[in-house]
Amino acid sequence: MLETCAADPVSRALYPPTVPSPERPLMLRRALFEYLRNPLRVLSRPVYEEPMVVFEPAKGRLVVWVTRPDLVEQVLVGGPDTFQKTEVERRVLGGSLGDGVLTSVGPHWRWQRRTMAPLFRHQEILAYVPEMSIAADGLVSEWRRGGAAVRAVDADMIDVTFDVIARTMLAGGVPAEAELIKREGTIFLANSSWELAWALMKFPMWLPHPATFARKRAARRLRGAVGNIVARRRAEGESGNDLLGRLLASRNPENGAPMGDEDVISNVLTLLEAGHETTARALTWALYLMARAPDWQEQVRAEVLSVAGNGRIEAAHVPRLALTDRVMKEAMRLYPPAPVIVRMATTEMKIGDATIRPHTQIVIPIYAIHRHRKLWEDPDRFDPDRFLPEREKALPRTQYMPFGAGPRICLGMSFAQVEAVVLFATFVRAARFDWDGHHEPEPVSRVTLRPKGGMPLRVEPIS
């Protein structure tokens, strides 16, 4: 059963839904069954309690879950060549994302990362705040036209974050292409568990699974749509000031070469799929928490009104929305948008007291780290004050990492953080969010962290 939400009637403490954890690591057959339902269901209780769990479910197969911050840092920060991205991730995402910055390794990754990094400096991102606010206001207007109603907030967040991406990145697209990209990207990620399971079982790529056709068709349509946009922009001869235009104008810092079309397509899709999906999920869970914690909702609303009044959220407001930012951070602690990172050991080595063989799968379960019994006080409780400046400063950098850590930390982290605050502030100021009293969504990992059954909330616009 789902471990459901609870509240202490005296303290009003909120314990939102989490994922049931088995007492011990599951054997292979049961693990595969649970994995297809929800990959987080294979995280056994020791993963939430111990610094590291080493498990051999079948001869020759070794899985290591690493949760202690210094050991996580050893894997993610200290050894990018010793602990590499696995073929599992490339197999799951490569059909759509190609050999872009998220899936590539070695020199090809390094030059893409170096080429794209300047596009995501914090000051550069602040220039996109007006477009973010316009997109947020567009959804608010839709809510006001519909009046108080129960809405699929998860779908609304997908729509609005894609609108942000379209405004800041795809100025050369047309509405039909944007709609196709949004739809097919959702299909591609929603069917990821089958591909993950097949890859982990080391089944050959030619062996189909129930989602093979849907994923291949979605990937083909995605790359075709973005390819058309890139071709038009190349033909126009002007790069433009949106992210795509700047990507087209970028040059390899080592040799001055432009990025080829296939890499541009791969990286546009990386920013589209990884970008709008992750922010949409973070906002969905944050609004759910507001519906379950109305006192916090009122505090956020009061802060936004005191900082920005009823005007559009501007770049200068973002650093002043401290409470709003803390609530978003706590939402991403409880419900990290990308809940798991996987690496592979390339050589025999030591992690803590354990000797790790080459090709061992190292799992960094961010979801479990963010709820670890030895790392957090009362870890399943919703408490934005964990991120008061003095408390946040004391956290090891790999104890809280909704965007990963190390050289491969999310390239769009600053974009996502700014976007989330701008949209969240706009929405909470404009409407009240109420829970229906029944739906307690299980967090389900489908590359991003989705609410099982969607997220129906009553949205009541504030006049």
Protein backbone atom coordinates (compact mmCIF):
# COMPACT_ATOMS: atom_id res chain seq x y z
CA MET A 1 0.00 0.00 0.00
CA LEU A 2 0.95 3.63 -0.47
CA GLU A 3 2.29 5.24 2.67
CA THR A 4 -0.30 7.97 2.91
CA CYS A 5 -0.33 11.53 4.04
CA ALA A 6 -0.88 12.32 7.70
CA ALA A 7 -1.12 15.44 9.81
CA ASP A 8 -0.62 16.09 13.49
CA PRO A 9 -3.80 17.94 14.57
CA VAL A 10 -1.95 19.79 17.33
CA SER A 11 1.18 20.94 15.54
CA ARG A 12 -0.37 20.87 12.05
CA ALA A 13 2.72 19.02 10.87
CA LEU A 14 2.25 17.58 7.39
CA TYR A 15 3.56 14.17 6.35
CA PRO A 16 2.74 13.94 2.63
CA PRO A 17 2.60 10.66 0.68
CA THR A 18 5.75 8.65 0.14
CA VAL A 19 6.62 5.29 -1.42
CA PRO A 20 6.35 1.99 0.50
CA SER A 21 9.75 0.42 1.11
CA PRO A 22 10.34 -3.32 1.51
CA GLU A 23 12.16 -4.49 4.63
CA ARG A 24 15.13 -5.81 2.63
CA PRO A 25 16.35 -5.73 -0.98
CA LEU A 26 14.06 -7.64 -3.33
CA MET A 27 15.15 -10.69 -5.28
CA LEU A 28 15.33 -10.33 -9.03
CA ARG A 29 11.87 -11.48 -10.15
CA ARG A 30 9.99 -9.48 -7.53
CA ALA A 31 12.26 -6.48 -8.07
CA LEU A 32 11.49 -6.48 -11.81
CA PHE A 33 7.75 -6.58 -11.12
CA GLU A 34 7.93 -3.68 -8.67
CA TYR A 35 10.30 -1.77 -10.93
CA LEU A 36 7.77 -1.77 -13.74
CA ARG A 37 5.13 -0.42 -11.34
CA ASN A 38 7.41 2.22 -9.87
CA PRO A 39 11.23 2.03 -9.75
CA LEU A 40 11.22 3.68 -6.30
CA ARG A 41 9.43 0.63 -4.88
CA VAL A 42 12.68 -1.37 -5.08
CA LEU A 43 14.37 0.98 -2.58
CA SER A 44 14.39 -1.14 0.56
CA ARG A 45 14.32 0.27 4.09
CA PRO A 46 18.11 -0.02 4.61
CA VAL A 47 18.61 2.41 1.70
CA TYR A 48 16.84 5.04 3.82
CA GLU A 49 18.87 4.18 6.93
CA GLU A 50 22.39 3.04 5.99
CA PRO A 51 25.31 4.89 4.36
CA MET A 52 25.57 2.26 1.63
CA VAL A 53 23.75 -0.95 0.69
CA VAL A 54 25.53 -3.61 -1.37
CA PHE A 55 23.30 -6.29 -2.87
CA GLU A 56 23.87 -9.18 -5.25
CA PRO A 57 20.41 -10.27 -6.48
CA ALA A 58 21.87 -12.77 -8.95
CA LYS A 59 25.30 -14.23 -9.60
CA GLY A 60 27.46 -11.75 -11.42
CA ARG A 61 25.06 -8.83 -10.83
CA LEU A 62 25.95 -6.32 -8.16
CA VAL A 63 23.97 -3.22 -7.22
CA VAL A 64 25.27 -0.65 -4.76
CA TRP A 65 23.04 2.09 -3.34
CA VAL A 66 25.15 4.99 -2.02
CA THR A 67 23.53 7.54 0.30
CA ARG A 68 26.12 9.04 2.68
CA PRO A 69 27.09 12.50 1.40
CA ASP A 70 30.87 11.98 1.41
CA LEU A 71 30.48 8.70 -0.50
CA VAL A 72 28.03 10.31 -2.92
CA GLU A 73 30.60 13.04 -3.46
CA GLN A 74 33.24 10.41 -4.21
CA VAL A 75 31.03 9.04 -6.99
CA LEU A 76 29.58 12.23 -8.49
CA VAL A 77 32.23 14.86 -7.79
CA GLY A 78 35.55 13.12 -7.41
CA GLY A 79 35.62 10.61 -10.24
CA PRO A 80 33.88 11.47 -13.53
CA ASP A 81 36.13 9.03 -15.39
CA THR A 82 36.08 6.38 -12.66
CA PHE A 83 32.30 6.47 -12.27
CA GLN A 84 30.77 6.96 -15.70
CA LYS A 85 27.29 7.28 -17.08
CA THR A 86 25.87 3.88 -17.88
CA GLU A 87 24.66 2.50 -21.17
CA VAL A 88 21.29 2.13 -19.43
CA GLU A 89 20.70 5.89 -19.50
CA ARG A 90 21.92 6.20 -23.08
CA ARG A 91 19.62 3.36 -24.08
CA VAL A 92 16.61 4.86 -22.30
CA LEU A 93 17.07 8.45 -23.48
CA GLY A 94 19.32 8.20 -26.52
CA GLY A 95 16.54 7.51 -29.02
CA SER A 96 15.24 11.02 -28.48
CA LEU A 97 18.18 12.93 -27.00
CA GLY A 98 20.82 11.44 -29.29
CA ASP A 99 24.38 12.21 -28.26
CA GLY A 100 23.61 15.51 -26.56
CA VAL A 101 25.06 16.94 -23.38
CA LEU A 102 22.90 14.77 -21.09
CA THR A 103 23.73 11.39 -22.63
CA SER A 104 27.20 11.81 -24.15
CA VAL A 105 30.46 10.94 -22.39
CA GLY A 106 34.14 11.75 -22.69
CA PRO A 107 35.49 14.49 -25.01
CA HIS A 108 32.19 14.85 -26.91
CA TRP A 109 30.40 15.66 -23.64
CA ARG A 110 33.14 18.02 -22.46
CA TRP A 111 33.07 20.27 -25.53
CA GLN A 112 29.26 20.43 -25.56
CA ARG A 113 29.21 21.30 -21.87
CA ARG A 114 31.84 24.00 -22.29
CA THR A 115 30.05 25.40 -25.32
CA MET A 116 26.62 25.55 -23.67
CA ALA A 117 27.57 26.60 -20.13
CA PRO A 118 27.78 30.36 -20.88
CA LEU A 119 24.16 30.31 -22.08
CA PHE A 120 23.00 29.38 -18.57
CA ARG A 121 24.79 31.88 -16.36
CA HIS A 122 22.46 33.28 -13.72
CA GLN A 123 22.51 36.82 -15.10
CA GLU A 124 21.71 35.51 -18.57
CA ILE A 125 18.72 33.60 -17.20
CA LEU A 126 17.29 36.67 -15.46
CA ALA A 127 16.76 38.20 -18.91
CA TYR A 128 14.11 35.55 -19.53
CA VAL A 129 12.02 36.43 -16.45
CA PRO A 130 9.58 38.65 -18.43
CA GLU A 131 8.72 35.73 -20.73
CA MET A 132 8.31 33.44 -17.72
CA SER A 133 5.90 35.91 -16.13
CA ILE A 134 3.89 36.30 -19.33
CA ALA A 135 3.48 32.52 -19.58
CA ALA A 136 2.40 32.32 -15.92
CA ASP A 137 -0.12 35.15 -16.38
CA GLY A 138 -1.55 33.33 -19.38
CA LEU A 139 -2.43 30.31 -17.25
CA VAL A 140 -3.84 32.53 -14.50
CA SER A 141 -6.12 34.16 -17.08
CA GLU A 142 -7.35 30.72 -18.11
CA TRP A 143 -8.12 29.88 -14.48
CA ARG A 144 -10.07 33.12 -14.06
CA ARG A 145 -12.15 32.46 -17.16
CA GLY A 146 -13.08 29.03 -15.81
CA GLY A 147 -13.83 30.20 -12.28
CA ALA A 148 -13.36 28.02 -9.20
CA ALA A 149 -13.01 24.42 -10.35
CA VAL A 150 -11.10 21.18 -9.87
CA ARG A 151 -8.29 21.15 -12.39
CA ALA A 152 -5.62 18.67 -13.44
CA VAL A 153 -2.83 20.82 -12.05
CA ASP A 154 -0.16 18.43 -13.33
CA ALA A 155 -1.39 19.01 -16.89
CA ASP A 156 -1.54 22.76 -16.31
CA MET A 157 2.07 22.77 -15.15
CA ILE A 158 3.22 20.81 -18.21
CA ASP A 159 1.44 23.35 -20.42
CA VAL A 160 2.81 26.45 -18.72
CA THR A 161 6.42 25.26 -18.45
CA PHE A 162 6.33 24.27 -22.10
CA ASP A 163 5.01 27.74 -22.89
CA VAL A 164 8.06 29.15 -21.08
CA ILE A 165 10.37 26.94 -23.14
CA ALA A 166 8.62 27.89 -26.35
CA ARG A 167 8.96 31.60 -25.52
CA THR A 168 12.59 31.44 -24.44
CA MET A 169 13.91 28.77 -26.77
CA LEU A 170 11.71 27.98 -29.75
CA ALA A 171 10.87 31.35 -31.22
CA GLY A 172 11.32 29.79 -34.65
CA GLY A 173 8.68 27.14 -34.07
CA VAL A 174 5.01 27.15 -35.04
CA PRO A 175 2.14 26.17 -32.72
CA ALA A 176 1.55 22.77 -34.36
CA GLU A 177 5.22 21.83 -33.96
CA ALA A 178 5.28 22.99 -30.34
CA GLU A 179 2.17 20.96 -29.54
CA LEU A 180 3.66 17.87 -31.21
CA ILE A 181 6.91 18.23 -29.26
CA LYS A 182 5.04 18.58 -25.97
CA ARG A 183 2.79 15.58 -26.68
CA GLU A 184 5.45 13.22 -28.02
CA GLY A 185 7.92 14.16 -25.28
CA THR A 186 5.37 13.17 -22.66
CA ILE A 187 4.76 9.83 -24.41
CA PHE A 188 8.49 9.13 -24.70
CA LEU A 189 9.18 9.68 -20.99
CA ALA A 190 5.97 8.06 -19.73
CA ASN A 191 7.01 4.73 -21.25
CA SER A 192 10.56 4.79 -19.89
CA SER A 193 10.13 2.05 -17.24
CA TRP A 194 9.92 -0.72 -19.83
CA GLU A 195 13.14 0.42 -21.49
CA LEU A 196 14.84 0.78 -18.11
CA ALA A 197 13.82 -2.72 -17.06
CA TRP A 198 14.97 -4.22 -20.38
CA ALA A 199 18.31 -2.43 -20.11
CA LEU A 200 18.90 -3.46 -16.49
CA MET A 201 18.12 -7.07 -17.42
CA LYS A 202 20.64 -6.70 -20.27
CA PHE A 203 18.13 -7.82 -22.86
CA PRO A 204 19.33 -7.05 -26.41
CA MET A 205 18.06 -3.85 -27.98
CA TRP A 206 16.40 -5.76 -30.81
CA LEU A 207 14.11 -7.53 -28.32
CA PRO A 208 10.90 -5.46 -28.19
CA HIS A 209 8.82 -4.67 -25.13
CA PRO A 210 5.23 -3.35 -24.91
CA ALA A 211 6.34 0.29 -25.23
CA THR A 212 8.94 -0.15 -28.00
CA PHE A 213 6.79 1.09 -30.88
CA ALA A 214 5.39 4.09 -28.99
CA ARG A 215 8.84 5.22 -27.86
CA LYS A 216 10.43 4.86 -31.30
CA ARG A 217 7.61 6.73 -32.99
CA ALA A 218 7.73 9.50 -30.37
CA ALA A 219 11.52 9.86 -30.74
CA ARG A 220 11.26 9.99 -34.54
CA ARG A 221 8.58 12.67 -34.43
CA LEU A 222 10.46 14.70 -31.82
CA ARG A 223 13.71 14.78 -33.76
CA GLY A 224 11.86 15.50 -37.00
CA ALA A 225 9.96 18.47 -35.54
CA VAL A 226 13.04 20.05 -33.95
CA GLY A 227 15.05 19.32 -37.11
CA ASN A 228 12.53 21.34 -39.12
CA ILE A 229 12.86 24.29 -36.74
CA VAL A 230 16.67 24.15 -36.85
CA ALA A 231 16.67 23.98 -40.65
CA ARG A 232 14.41 27.04 -40.91
CA ARG A 233 16.57 29.01 -38.51
CA ARG A 234 19.73 28.05 -40.42
CA ALA A 235 18.08 29.15 -43.68
CA GLU A 236 17.09 32.51 -42.19
CA GLY A 237 20.76 33.18 -41.54
CA GLU A 238 20.14 35.01 -38.26
CA SER A 239 20.59 33.27 -34.94
CA GLY A 240 18.15 35.29 -32.80
CA ASN A 241 18.27 35.97 -29.06
CA ASP A 242 16.37 32.94 -27.81
CA LEU A 243 18.24 29.89 -26.49
CA LEU A 244 18.06 28.09 -29.83
CA GLY A 245 19.50 31.07 -31.63
CA ARG A 246 22.32 31.35 -29.16
CA LEU A 247 22.97 27.62 -29.45
CA LEU A 248 23.21 27.96 -33.24
CA ALA A 249 25.63 30.85 -32.83
CA SER A 250 27.79 29.10 -30.23
CA ARG A 251 31.27 27.86 -31.03
CA ASN A 252 33.49 25.16 -29.61
CA PRO A 253 35.82 27.09 -27.27
CA GLU A 254 38.74 24.88 -28.28
CA ASN A 255 38.59 25.14 -32.09
CA GLY A 256 35.85 27.65 -32.90
CA ALA A 257 33.73 25.10 -34.77
CA PRO A 258 29.92 25.51 -34.71
CA MET A 259 27.70 22.77 -33.35
CA GLY A 260 26.44 20.39 -36.03
CA ASP A 261 22.72 20.01 -36.72
CA GLU A 262 22.39 16.60 -35.06
CA ASP A 263 23.99 17.87 -31.87
CA VAL A 264 21.85 21.01 -31.95
CA ILE A 265 18.72 18.85 -32.29
CA SER A 266 19.88 16.57 -29.46
CA ASN A 267 20.61 19.47 -27.13
CA VAL A 268 17.39 21.33 -27.95
CA LEU A 269 15.47 18.16 -27.09
CA THR A 270 17.50 17.73 -23.91
CA LEU A 271 16.54 21.22 -22.80
CA LEU A 272 12.93 20.69 -23.84
CA GLU A 273 12.36 17.28 -22.28
CA ALA A 274 14.61 17.60 -19.24
CA GLY A 275 13.83 21.29 -18.81
CA HIS A 276 10.09 21.70 -18.89
CA GLU A 277 9.29 18.22 -17.48
CA THR A 278 11.39 18.61 -14.34
CA THR A 279 10.14 22.12 -13.54
CA ALA A 280 6.55 21.07 -14.22
CA ARG A 281 6.85 18.18 -11.76
CA ALA A 282 8.46 20.38 -9.10
CA LEU A 283 5.64 22.92 -9.39
CA THR A 284 2.97 20.20 -9.34
CA TRP A 285 4.23 18.79 -6.05
CA ALA A 286 4.74 22.29 -4.57
CA LEU A 287 1.12 23.25 -5.29
CA TYR A 288 -0.08 19.95 -3.82
CA LEU A 289 1.85 20.74 -0.63
CA MET A 290 0.26 24.18 -0.52
CA ALA A 291 -3.17 22.58 -0.80
CA ARG A 292 -2.29 20.31 2.14
CA ALA A 293 -0.63 23.09 4.20
CA PRO A 294 -2.90 26.16 3.90
CA ASP A 295 -0.96 28.08 6.57
CA TRP A 296 2.17 27.93 4.44
CA GLN A 297 0.12 28.83 1.37
CA GLU A 298 -1.06 32.02 3.10
CA GLN A 299 2.49 32.91 4.12
CA VAL A 300 3.75 32.55 0.56
CA ARG A 301 0.86 34.64 -0.77
CA ALA A 302 1.56 37.37 1.78
CA GLU A 303 5.25 37.45 0.86
CA VAL A 304 4.56 37.73 -2.87
CA LEU A 305 2.09 40.58 -2.31
CA SER A 306 4.56 42.41 -0.07
CA VAL A 307 7.40 42.06 -2.59
CA ALA A 308 5.64 42.46 -5.93
CA GLY A 309 2.16 43.73 -5.12
CA ASN A 310 -0.26 42.77 -7.88
CA GLY A 311 2.20 43.51 -10.66
CA ARG A 312 4.02 41.02 -12.82
CA ILE A 313 6.93 39.19 -11.14
CA GLU A 314 10.21 40.76 -12.28
CA ALA A 315 13.84 39.68 -12.09
CA ALA A 316 14.47 42.11 -9.20
CA HIS A 317 11.77 40.37 -7.14
CA VAL A 318 13.29 36.88 -7.38
CA PRO A 319 16.02 37.20 -4.69
CA ARG A 320 13.53 38.88 -2.33
CA LEU A 321 11.07 35.97 -2.45
CA ALA A 322 12.97 34.08 0.25
CA LEU A 323 10.06 32.15 1.78
CA THR A 324 8.72 31.25 -1.66
CA ASP A 325 12.15 29.89 -2.54
CA ARG A 326 12.32 27.86 0.71
CA VAL A 327 8.96 26.25 0.01
CA MET A 328 10.08 25.28 -3.51
CA LYS A 329 13.31 23.81 -2.11
CA GLU A 330 11.45 21.75 0.47
CA ALA A 331 9.05 20.53 -2.22
CA MET A 332 12.05 19.38 -4.27
CA ARG A 333 13.54 17.70 -1.22
CA LEU A 334 10.43 15.62 -0.62
CA TYR A 335 9.74 15.15 -4.34
CA PRO A 336 12.99 15.57 -6.32
CA PRO A 337 12.11 16.05 -10.01
CA ALA A 338 14.84 13.59 -11.10
CA PRO A 339 14.81 11.03 -8.27
CA VAL A 340 17.72 8.70 -9.20
CA ILE A 341 21.22 8.96 -10.68
CA VAL A 342 23.06 5.88 -11.91
CA ARG A 343 26.78 5.45 -12.56
CA MET A 344 29.02 2.50 -13.45
CA ALA A 345 32.38 1.71 -11.88
CA THR A 346 35.03 1.45 -14.60
CA THR A 347 37.72 -0.17 -12.43
CA GLU A 348 37.99 -2.02 -9.13
CA MET A 349 37.93 0.48 -6.29
CA LYS A 350 36.91 1.16 -2.71
CA ILE A 351 33.77 3.02 -1.73
CA GLY A 352 33.77 3.36 2.02
CA ASP A 353 34.73 -0.07 3.36
CA ALA A 354 33.45 -1.98 0.32
CA THR A 355 35.51 -3.15 -2.64
CA ILE A 356 33.58 -2.52 -5.86
CA ARG A 357 34.17 -4.62 -8.96
CA PRO A 358 34.39 -3.11 -12.46
CA HIS A 359 31.00 -2.64 -14.21
CA THR A 360 29.16 -2.53 -10.88
CA GLN A 361 26.04 -0.40 -11.04
CA ILE A 362 26.21 2.47 -8.53
CA VAL A 363 22.81 3.98 -7.74
CA ILE A 364 22.52 7.40 -6.13
CA PRO A 365 18.88 7.35 -4.93
CA ILE A 366 18.24 11.07 -4.53
CA TYR A 367 14.68 10.37 -3.38
CA ALA A 368 15.98 8.22 -0.50
CA ILE A 369 18.86 10.58 0.33
CA HIS A 370 16.38 13.43 0.69
CA ARG A 371 14.39 11.31 3.19
CA HIS A 372 17.28 9.51 4.85
CA ARG A 373 16.79 8.78 8.56
CA LYS A 374 20.43 9.57 9.46
CA LEU A 375 20.65 12.79 7.45
CA TRP A 376 17.45 14.68 8.24
CA GLU A 377 15.44 15.30 11.38
CA ASP A 378 11.90 13.95 10.92
CA PRO A 379 12.65 13.50 7.20
CA ASP A 380 9.13 12.78 5.93
CA ARG A 381 7.70 16.00 7.40
CA PHE A 382 7.11 19.05 5.22
CA ASP A 383 9.19 21.85 6.77
CA PRO A 384 10.44 24.71 4.55
CA ASP A 385 12.40 26.13 7.48
CA ARG A 386 15.01 23.44 6.84
CA PHE A 387 16.20 25.88 4.19
CA LEU A 388 16.61 28.95 6.33
CA PRO A 389 20.00 30.39 5.29
CA GLU A 390 21.98 29.23 8.33
CA ARG A 391 20.50 25.72 8.18
CA GLU A 392 20.92 25.33 4.42
CA LYS A 393 24.53 26.51 4.64
CA ALA A 394 25.31 23.66 7.05
CA LEU A 395 24.14 20.96 4.61
CA PRO A 396 26.81 18.94 2.78
CA ARG A 397 26.51 19.69 -0.94
CA THR A 398 25.50 16.11 -1.76
CA GLN A 399 22.83 15.82 0.93
CA TYR A 400 20.38 18.00 -0.99
CA MET A 401 20.77 17.78 -4.76
CA PRO A 402 17.58 18.05 -6.80
CA PHE A 403 19.75 18.97 -9.78
CA GLY A 404 22.49 16.40 -9.20
CA ALA A 405 26.08 17.30 -8.29
CA GLY A 406 29.58 17.38 -9.68
CA PRO A 407 30.75 18.09 -13.24
CA ARG A 408 27.47 16.78 -14.65
CA ILE A 409 25.19 18.85 -12.43
CA CYS A 410 22.11 19.97 -14.37
CA LEU A 411 23.16 22.58 -16.90
CA GLY A 412 19.77 24.31 -16.65
CA MET A 413 19.74 24.49 -12.84
CA SER A 414 19.66 28.30 -12.65
CA PHE A 415 16.97 28.47 -15.33
CA ALA A 416 14.81 25.95 -13.46
CA GLN A 417 15.26 27.64 -10.08
CA VAL A 418 14.35 31.09 -11.36
CA GLU A 419 11.45 29.76 -13.45
CA ALA A 420 10.03 27.78 -10.53
CA VAL A 421 10.05 30.80 -8.18
CA VAL A 422 8.51 33.13 -10.79
CA LEU A 423 5.71 30.70 -11.70
CA PHE A 424 5.04 29.47 -8.17
CA ALA A 425 4.84 33.03 -6.80
CA THR A 426 2.47 34.06 -9.60
CA PHE A 427 0.15 31.10 -9.06
CA VAL A 428 -0.08 31.22 -5.26
CA ARG A 429 -0.77 34.96 -5.34
CA ALA A 430 -3.49 34.52 -7.99
CA ALA A 431 -5.43 31.52 -6.65
CA ARG A 432 -6.20 29.36 -3.64
CA PHE A 433 -5.39 25.66 -3.93
CA ASP A 434 -7.46 23.12 -2.01
CA TRP A 435 -7.18 19.35 -1.63
CA ASP A 436 -10.19 17.14 -2.40
CA GLY A 437 -9.70 15.17 0.83
CA HIS A 438 -9.18 11.87 -0.97
CA HIS A 439 -6.45 11.73 -3.62
CA GLU A 440 -3.06 10.93 -2.09
CA PRO A 441 -0.75 10.55 -5.06
CA GLU A 442 2.10 8.06 -4.97
CA PRO A 443 5.34 9.56 -6.32
CA VAL A 444 6.25 7.46 -9.37
CA SER A 445 9.61 7.61 -11.13
CA ARG A 446 9.30 7.85 -14.92
CA VAL A 447 12.70 9.53 -15.41
CA THR A 448 10.97 12.48 -13.69
CA LEU A 449 8.88 12.15 -10.52
CA ARG A 450 5.18 12.02 -11.41
CA PRO A 451 2.08 11.83 -9.21
CA LYS A 452 0.22 8.56 -9.77
CA GLY A 453 -3.31 9.36 -10.90
CA GLY A 454 -2.40 12.93 -11.74
CA MET A 455 -2.88 15.93 -9.47
CA PRO A 456 -6.50 17.12 -9.24
CA LEU A 457 -6.73 20.23 -7.04
CA ARG A 458 -9.47 22.79 -6.58
CA VAL A 459 -8.23 26.08 -7.98
CA GLU A 460 -10.14 29.18 -6.83
CA PRO A 461 -8.95 32.42 -8.50
CA ILE A 462 -8.56 35.39 -6.16
CA SER A 463 -10.17 38.49 -7.59
